[in-house]
Amino acid sequence: MSEHDPGFDSPAGEQSPAEAVDHSLTDDVRALIDDGKTYLEAELQFQKSRAAFVADRSRSGAIYAVAAVLLVHLALVALAIGLIIALTPLLTAWGATAAVVGLLLVAGVILGLAAKKRFAGLSSAFGGNRK
């Protein structure tokens, strides 16, 4: 055998490079597209499970937050009633009620003005020039 023979020095059963490459560029592109689809499906499934996990945790967190706000509100109502009862011997029932309601209204106005100031600052940060 000569060096120009395609089967020269090749062991029995091995293919020459020309025979080994029997698939085309289009086959490679199809395989790449299939791999891309598989990756996309796996990524989509991962993101779905991640979103379900976040939704579950957010839902339970929101339930706890609402319960906490309700309990704090109940405690503040009890405090206001307790203040009225405690101040009744000093100011009479109507005087104690007026003092507690007046104090709560003043605190509410102060907190409302602070909130308005914060929202105005937020509005100006986004370019809104309204007042």
N, C-alpha and C. Protein backbone atom coordinates (compact mmCIF):
# COMPACT_ATOMS: atom_id res chain seq x y z
N MET A 1 0.83 -1.18 0.00
CA MET A 1 0.00 0.00 0.00
C MET A 1 0.87 1.23 0.00
N SER A 2 0.37 2.26 -0.65
CA SER A 2 1.13 3.50 -0.70
C SER A 2 0.56 4.50 0.26
N GLU A 3 1.29 5.60 0.44
CA GLU A 3 0.85 6.64 1.37
C GLU A 3 -0.38 7.37 0.86
N HIS A 4 -0.71 7.30 -0.41
CA HIS A 4 -1.86 7.98 -0.98
C HIS A 4 -3.14 7.17 -0.86
N ASP A 5 -3.00 5.99 -0.37
CA ASP A 5 -4.17 5.13 -0.22
C ASP A 5 -4.95 5.56 1.03
N PRO A 6 -6.26 5.79 0.95
CA PRO A 6 -7.03 6.22 2.11
C PRO A 6 -7.00 5.21 3.25
N GLY A 7 -6.83 3.98 2.99
CA GLY A 7 -6.80 2.96 4.03
C GLY A 7 -5.42 2.71 4.57
N PHE A 8 -4.42 3.50 4.16
CA PHE A 8 -3.04 3.31 4.58
C PHE A 8 -2.89 3.50 6.09
N ASP A 9 -2.29 2.59 6.77
CA ASP A 9 -2.02 2.61 8.21
C ASP A 9 -3.26 2.78 9.07
N SER A 10 -4.42 2.53 8.55
CA SER A 10 -5.60 2.63 9.42
C SER A 10 -5.94 1.23 9.90
N PRO A 11 -6.12 1.07 11.21
CA PRO A 11 -6.47 -0.25 11.73
C PRO A 11 -7.83 -0.68 11.20
N ALA A 12 -8.05 -1.94 11.24
CA ALA A 12 -9.31 -2.48 10.72
C ALA A 12 -10.47 -1.98 11.56
N GLY A 13 -11.53 -1.55 10.92
CA GLY A 13 -12.74 -1.10 11.61
C GLY A 13 -12.79 0.39 11.83
N GLU A 14 -11.70 1.12 11.70
CA GLU A 14 -11.74 2.57 11.86
C GLU A 14 -12.11 3.22 10.55
N GLN A 15 -12.79 4.37 10.67
CA GLN A 15 -13.19 5.09 9.47
C GLN A 15 -12.18 6.20 9.22
N SER A 16 -12.06 6.54 7.96
CA SER A 16 -11.21 7.67 7.62
C SER A 16 -11.94 8.96 7.98
N PRO A 17 -11.27 10.09 8.11
CA PRO A 17 -11.94 11.35 8.45
C PRO A 17 -13.07 11.69 7.50
N ALA A 18 -12.95 11.39 6.25
CA ALA A 18 -14.01 11.70 5.29
C ALA A 18 -15.24 10.85 5.57
N GLU A 19 -15.04 9.61 6.01
CA GLU A 19 -16.17 8.76 6.31
C GLU A 19 -16.77 9.07 7.67
N ALA A 20 -15.95 9.54 8.63
CA ALA A 20 -16.41 9.81 9.99
C ALA A 20 -17.37 10.99 10.03
N VAL A 21 -17.19 11.95 9.15
CA VAL A 21 -18.05 13.13 9.12
C VAL A 21 -19.16 12.85 8.12
N ASP A 22 -20.20 12.20 8.59
CA ASP A 22 -21.30 11.89 7.70
C ASP A 22 -22.50 12.78 7.96
N HIS A 23 -22.42 13.67 8.96
CA HIS A 23 -23.52 14.60 9.20
C HIS A 23 -23.12 15.99 8.69
N SER A 24 -24.11 16.80 8.41
CA SER A 24 -23.84 18.07 7.77
C SER A 24 -23.97 19.22 8.78
N LEU A 25 -23.73 20.40 8.30
CA LEU A 25 -23.85 21.60 9.13
C LEU A 25 -25.31 21.80 9.55
N THR A 26 -26.24 21.46 8.70
CA THR A 26 -27.65 21.60 9.06
C THR A 26 -28.01 20.66 10.21
N ASP A 27 -27.39 19.48 10.25
CA ASP A 27 -27.62 18.57 11.38
C ASP A 27 -27.11 19.19 12.67
N ASP A 28 -25.96 19.83 12.60
CA ASP A 28 -25.39 20.50 13.78
C ASP A 28 -26.29 21.65 14.24
N VAL A 29 -26.81 22.41 13.29
CA VAL A 29 -27.69 23.53 13.63
C VAL A 29 -28.98 23.00 14.26
N ARG A 30 -29.52 21.92 13.70
CA ARG A 30 -30.73 21.33 14.29
C ARG A 30 -30.47 20.84 15.71
N ALA A 31 -29.32 20.22 15.92
CA ALA A 31 -28.97 19.74 17.26
C ALA A 31 -28.82 20.92 18.21
N LEU A 32 -28.23 22.00 17.73
CA LEU A 32 -28.08 23.21 18.55
C LEU A 32 -29.44 23.80 18.90
N ILE A 33 -30.34 23.84 17.94
CA ILE A 33 -31.69 24.35 18.20
C ILE A 33 -32.42 23.46 19.20
N ASP A 34 -32.28 22.16 19.05
CA ASP A 34 -32.90 21.23 20.00
C ASP A 34 -32.34 21.44 21.41
N ASP A 35 -31.03 21.61 21.50
CA ASP A 35 -30.42 21.86 22.81
C ASP A 35 -30.91 23.18 23.39
N GLY A 36 -31.07 24.19 22.54
CA GLY A 36 -31.59 25.49 23.00
C GLY A 36 -33.02 25.36 23.51
N LYS A 37 -33.83 24.59 22.80
CA LYS A 37 -35.21 24.37 23.25
C LYS A 37 -35.24 23.65 24.59
N THR A 38 -34.40 22.65 24.74
CA THR A 38 -34.33 21.91 26.01
C THR A 38 -33.91 22.84 27.13
N TYR A 39 -32.90 23.66 26.88
CA TYR A 39 -32.44 24.62 27.89
C TYR A 39 -33.56 25.60 28.24
N LEU A 40 -34.25 26.11 27.23
CA LEU A 40 -35.33 27.07 27.45
C LEU A 40 -36.46 26.45 28.27
N GLU A 41 -36.83 25.22 27.96
CA GLU A 41 -37.88 24.53 28.72
C GLU A 41 -37.46 24.33 30.18
N ALA A 42 -36.20 23.95 30.39
CA ALA A 42 -35.71 23.74 31.76
C ALA A 42 -35.68 25.07 32.52
N GLU A 43 -35.24 26.12 31.87
CA GLU A 43 -35.19 27.44 32.51
C GLU A 43 -36.60 27.94 32.83
N LEU A 44 -37.53 27.73 31.93
CA LEU A 44 -38.91 28.13 32.17
C LEU A 44 -39.50 27.38 33.35
N GLN A 45 -39.25 26.09 33.43
CA GLN A 45 -39.74 25.28 34.55
C GLN A 45 -39.12 25.75 35.87
N PHE A 46 -37.82 26.07 35.84
CA PHE A 46 -37.15 26.57 37.04
C PHE A 46 -37.77 27.89 37.49
N GLN A 47 -38.01 28.81 36.56
CA GLN A 47 -38.58 30.10 36.92
C GLN A 47 -40.01 29.95 37.43
N LYS A 48 -40.77 29.00 36.87
CA LYS A 48 -42.13 28.75 37.36
C LYS A 48 -42.10 28.26 38.80
N SER A 49 -41.21 27.32 39.09
CA SER A 49 -41.13 26.81 40.46
C SER A 49 -40.63 27.89 41.41
N ARG A 50 -39.75 28.72 40.94
CA ARG A 50 -39.25 29.84 41.76
C ARG A 50 -40.37 30.84 42.05
N ALA A 51 -41.17 31.15 41.05
CA ALA A 51 -42.29 32.07 41.24
C ALA A 51 -43.33 31.48 42.19
N ALA A 52 -43.57 30.18 42.09
CA ALA A 52 -44.52 29.53 43.00
C ALA A 52 -44.02 29.60 44.43
N PHE A 53 -42.72 29.40 44.62
CA PHE A 53 -42.13 29.49 45.96
C PHE A 53 -42.28 30.89 46.53
N VAL A 54 -41.97 31.90 45.71
CA VAL A 54 -42.09 33.30 46.16
C VAL A 54 -43.54 33.64 46.47
N ALA A 55 -44.47 33.18 45.64
CA ALA A 55 -45.88 33.47 45.88
C ALA A 55 -46.35 32.84 47.18
N ASP A 56 -45.91 31.62 47.45
CA ASP A 56 -46.30 30.95 48.69
C ASP A 56 -45.75 31.69 49.90
N ARG A 57 -44.48 32.07 49.85
CA ARG A 57 -43.89 32.79 50.97
C ARG A 57 -44.50 34.18 51.13
N SER A 58 -44.79 34.83 50.02
CA SER A 58 -45.39 36.17 50.08
C SER A 58 -46.79 36.10 50.68
N ARG A 59 -47.56 35.10 50.29
CA ARG A 59 -48.91 34.95 50.80
C ARG A 59 -48.89 34.74 52.31
N SER A 60 -48.06 33.83 52.77
CA SER A 60 -48.01 33.58 54.22
C SER A 60 -47.44 34.79 54.96
N GLY A 61 -46.49 35.48 54.37
CA GLY A 61 -45.95 36.69 54.99
C GLY A 61 -47.00 37.78 55.08
N ALA A 62 -47.83 37.92 54.04
CA ALA A 62 -48.89 38.93 54.05
C ALA A 62 -49.93 38.60 55.11
N ILE A 63 -50.24 37.32 55.28
CA ILE A 63 -51.21 36.92 56.30
C ILE A 63 -50.69 37.29 57.69
N TYR A 64 -49.43 37.00 57.95
CA TYR A 64 -48.84 37.36 59.24
C TYR A 64 -48.81 38.88 59.43
N ALA A 65 -48.50 39.63 58.37
CA ALA A 65 -48.45 41.09 58.48
C ALA A 65 -49.83 41.67 58.79
N VAL A 66 -50.86 41.17 58.12
CA VAL A 66 -52.22 41.65 58.37
C VAL A 66 -52.63 41.32 59.81
N ALA A 67 -52.31 40.12 60.26
CA ALA A 67 -52.64 39.75 61.64
C ALA A 67 -51.92 40.66 62.63
N ALA A 68 -50.66 40.97 62.36
CA ALA A 68 -49.89 41.85 63.24
C ALA A 68 -50.50 43.25 63.28
N VAL A 69 -50.87 43.78 62.12
CA VAL A 69 -51.47 45.11 62.07
C VAL A 69 -52.79 45.14 62.82
N LEU A 70 -53.60 44.10 62.66
CA LEU A 70 -54.88 44.04 63.38
C LEU A 70 -54.67 43.99 64.90
N LEU A 71 -53.69 43.22 65.35
CA LEU A 71 -53.42 43.14 66.78
C LEU A 71 -52.88 44.45 67.34
N VAL A 72 -52.02 45.12 66.57
CA VAL A 72 -51.51 46.43 67.01
C VAL A 72 -52.66 47.43 67.07
N HIS A 73 -53.53 47.40 66.09
CA HIS A 73 -54.69 48.30 66.09
C HIS A 73 -55.58 48.03 67.30
N LEU A 74 -55.82 46.77 67.59
CA LEU A 74 -56.62 46.41 68.75
C LEU A 74 -55.96 46.89 70.04
N ALA A 75 -54.65 46.77 70.12
CA ALA A 75 -53.92 47.23 71.31
C ALA A 75 -54.03 48.75 71.47
N LEU A 76 -53.97 49.47 70.35
CA LEU A 76 -54.09 50.93 70.43
C LEU A 76 -55.50 51.36 70.84
N VAL A 77 -56.51 50.65 70.36
CA VAL A 77 -57.88 50.94 70.78
C VAL A 77 -58.03 50.68 72.28
N ALA A 78 -57.46 49.56 72.75
CA ALA A 78 -57.52 49.26 74.18
C ALA A 78 -56.78 50.31 74.99
N LEU A 79 -55.67 50.81 74.48
CA LEU A 79 -54.92 51.87 75.16
C LEU A 79 -55.76 53.14 75.26
N ALA A 80 -56.42 53.49 74.15
CA ALA A 80 -57.25 54.70 74.17
C ALA A 80 -58.39 54.55 75.18
N ILE A 81 -59.03 53.40 75.20
CA ILE A 81 -60.12 53.17 76.16
C ILE A 81 -59.57 53.20 77.58
N GLY A 82 -58.41 52.58 77.77
CA GLY A 82 -57.79 52.60 79.10
C GLY A 82 -57.43 54.00 79.55
N LEU A 83 -56.95 54.82 78.63
CA LEU A 83 -56.64 56.22 78.98
C LEU A 83 -57.89 56.98 79.38
N ILE A 84 -58.97 56.76 78.66
CA ILE A 84 -60.23 57.43 79.01
C ILE A 84 -60.68 57.00 80.40
N ILE A 85 -60.60 55.70 80.67
CA ILE A 85 -61.01 55.21 81.99
C ILE A 85 -60.09 55.75 83.08
N ALA A 86 -58.80 55.79 82.81
CA ALA A 86 -57.84 56.26 83.82
C ALA A 86 -57.97 57.75 84.08
N LEU A 87 -58.30 58.53 83.05
CA LEU A 87 -58.40 59.99 83.22
C LEU A 87 -59.78 60.43 83.70
N THR A 88 -60.75 59.55 83.69
CA THR A 88 -62.10 59.92 84.10
C THR A 88 -62.16 60.51 85.52
N PRO A 89 -61.48 59.94 86.53
CA PRO A 89 -61.57 60.56 87.86
C PRO A 89 -60.95 61.97 87.90
N LEU A 90 -60.01 62.25 87.02
CA LEU A 90 -59.35 63.56 87.02
C LEU A 90 -60.10 64.59 86.19
N LEU A 91 -60.66 64.17 85.04
CA LEU A 91 -61.23 65.13 84.08
C LEU A 91 -62.72 64.93 83.83
N THR A 92 -63.37 64.05 84.44
CA THR A 92 -64.73 63.59 84.17
C THR A 92 -64.72 62.74 82.90
N ALA A 93 -65.79 62.02 82.67
CA ALA A 93 -65.85 61.12 81.52
C ALA A 93 -65.75 61.88 80.20
N TRP A 94 -66.49 63.00 80.09
CA TRP A 94 -66.45 63.78 78.85
C TRP A 94 -65.09 64.46 78.69
N GLY A 95 -64.50 64.93 79.72
CA GLY A 95 -63.18 65.57 79.65
C GLY A 95 -62.10 64.59 79.26
N ALA A 96 -62.14 63.38 79.84
CA ALA A 96 -61.15 62.36 79.50
C ALA A 96 -61.30 61.93 78.04
N THR A 97 -62.56 61.78 77.60
CA THR A 97 -62.80 61.41 76.20
C THR A 97 -62.28 62.49 75.27
N ALA A 98 -62.56 63.76 75.60
CA ALA A 98 -62.10 64.87 74.77
C ALA A 98 -60.57 64.95 74.75
N ALA A 99 -59.94 64.72 75.88
CA ALA A 99 -58.47 64.78 75.94
C ALA A 99 -57.84 63.68 75.09
N VAL A 100 -58.35 62.46 75.22
CA VAL A 100 -57.78 61.34 74.46
C VAL A 100 -58.05 61.51 72.97
N VAL A 101 -59.27 61.89 72.60
CA VAL A 101 -59.58 62.09 71.18
C VAL A 101 -58.75 63.25 70.61
N GLY A 102 -58.62 64.32 71.35
CA GLY A 102 -57.82 65.46 70.91
C GLY A 102 -56.36 65.07 70.70
N LEU A 103 -55.81 64.30 71.65
CA LEU A 103 -54.42 63.83 71.53
C LEU A 103 -54.25 62.94 70.29
N LEU A 104 -55.20 62.05 70.06
CA LEU A 104 -55.14 61.17 68.88
C LEU A 104 -55.27 61.96 67.58
N LEU A 105 -56.13 62.98 67.58
CA LEU A 105 -56.27 63.83 66.38
C LEU A 105 -55.00 64.61 66.09
N VAL A 106 -54.38 65.16 67.12
CA VAL A 106 -53.12 65.90 66.93
C VAL A 106 -52.04 64.96 66.39
N ALA A 107 -51.93 63.76 66.97
CA ALA A 107 -50.95 62.79 66.49
C ALA A 107 -51.25 62.40 65.03
N GLY A 108 -52.54 62.23 64.70
CA GLY A 108 -52.91 61.88 63.34
C GLY A 108 -52.56 62.97 62.34
N VAL A 109 -52.80 64.23 62.73
CA VAL A 109 -52.46 65.35 61.83
C VAL A 109 -50.96 65.44 61.63
N ILE A 110 -50.18 65.27 62.70
CA ILE A 110 -48.72 65.33 62.58
C ILE A 110 -48.22 64.21 61.67
N LEU A 111 -48.72 63.00 61.86
CA LEU A 111 -48.30 61.88 61.01
C LEU A 111 -48.77 62.07 59.56
N GLY A 112 -49.96 62.64 59.36
CA GLY A 112 -50.44 62.91 58.01
C GLY A 112 -49.58 63.94 57.29
N LEU A 113 -49.18 64.99 58.00
CA LEU A 113 -48.30 66.00 57.39
C LEU A 113 -46.92 65.41 57.06
N ALA A 114 -46.43 64.55 57.94
CA ALA A 114 -45.15 63.90 57.66
C ALA A 114 -45.25 63.01 56.43
N ALA A 115 -46.37 62.30 56.31
CA ALA A 115 -46.57 61.45 55.13
C ALA A 115 -46.67 62.29 53.87
N LYS A 116 -47.38 63.41 53.95
CA LYS A 116 -47.50 64.28 52.79
C LYS A 116 -46.13 64.80 52.36
N LYS A 117 -45.30 65.14 53.33
CA LYS A 117 -43.96 65.63 53.02
C LYS A 117 -43.13 64.53 52.33
N ARG A 118 -43.24 63.31 52.82
CA ARG A 118 -42.50 62.19 52.22
C ARG A 118 -42.97 61.92 50.79
N PHE A 119 -44.28 61.94 50.58
CA PHE A 119 -44.79 61.71 49.23
C PHE A 119 -44.44 62.84 48.28
N ALA A 120 -44.39 64.07 48.79
CA ALA A 120 -43.99 65.19 47.94
C ALA A 120 -42.52 65.04 47.55
N GLY A 121 -41.70 64.58 48.47
CA GLY A 121 -40.29 64.33 48.15
C GLY A 121 -40.14 63.22 47.13
N LEU A 122 -40.96 62.21 47.24
CA LEU A 122 -40.95 61.11 46.28
C LEU A 122 -41.40 61.59 44.91
N SER A 123 -42.43 62.43 44.89
CA SER A 123 -42.94 62.95 43.63
C SER A 123 -41.90 63.81 42.93
N SER A 124 -41.20 64.64 43.69
CA SER A 124 -40.18 65.49 43.07
C SER A 124 -38.98 64.68 42.59
N ALA A 125 -38.73 63.57 43.23
CA ALA A 125 -37.63 62.71 42.79
C ALA A 125 -37.89 62.10 41.42
N PHE A 126 -39.17 61.91 41.09
CA PHE A 126 -39.53 61.36 39.79
C PHE A 126 -39.90 62.44 38.79
N GLY A 127 -39.64 63.68 39.10
CA GLY A 127 -39.84 64.75 38.14
C GLY A 127 -41.18 65.42 38.20
N GLY A 128 -42.04 65.05 39.11
CA GLY A 128 -43.34 65.71 39.24
C GLY A 128 -43.17 67.01 40.00
N ASN A 129 -43.63 68.14 39.45
CA ASN A 129 -43.47 69.44 40.08
C ASN A 129 -44.79 69.93 40.68
N ARG A 130 -45.76 69.05 40.87
CA ARG A 130 -47.03 69.45 41.46
C ARG A 130 -46.89 69.59 42.96
N LYS A 131 -47.76 70.43 43.53
CA LYS A 131 -47.76 70.61 45.00
C LYS A 131 -49.12 70.40 45.56
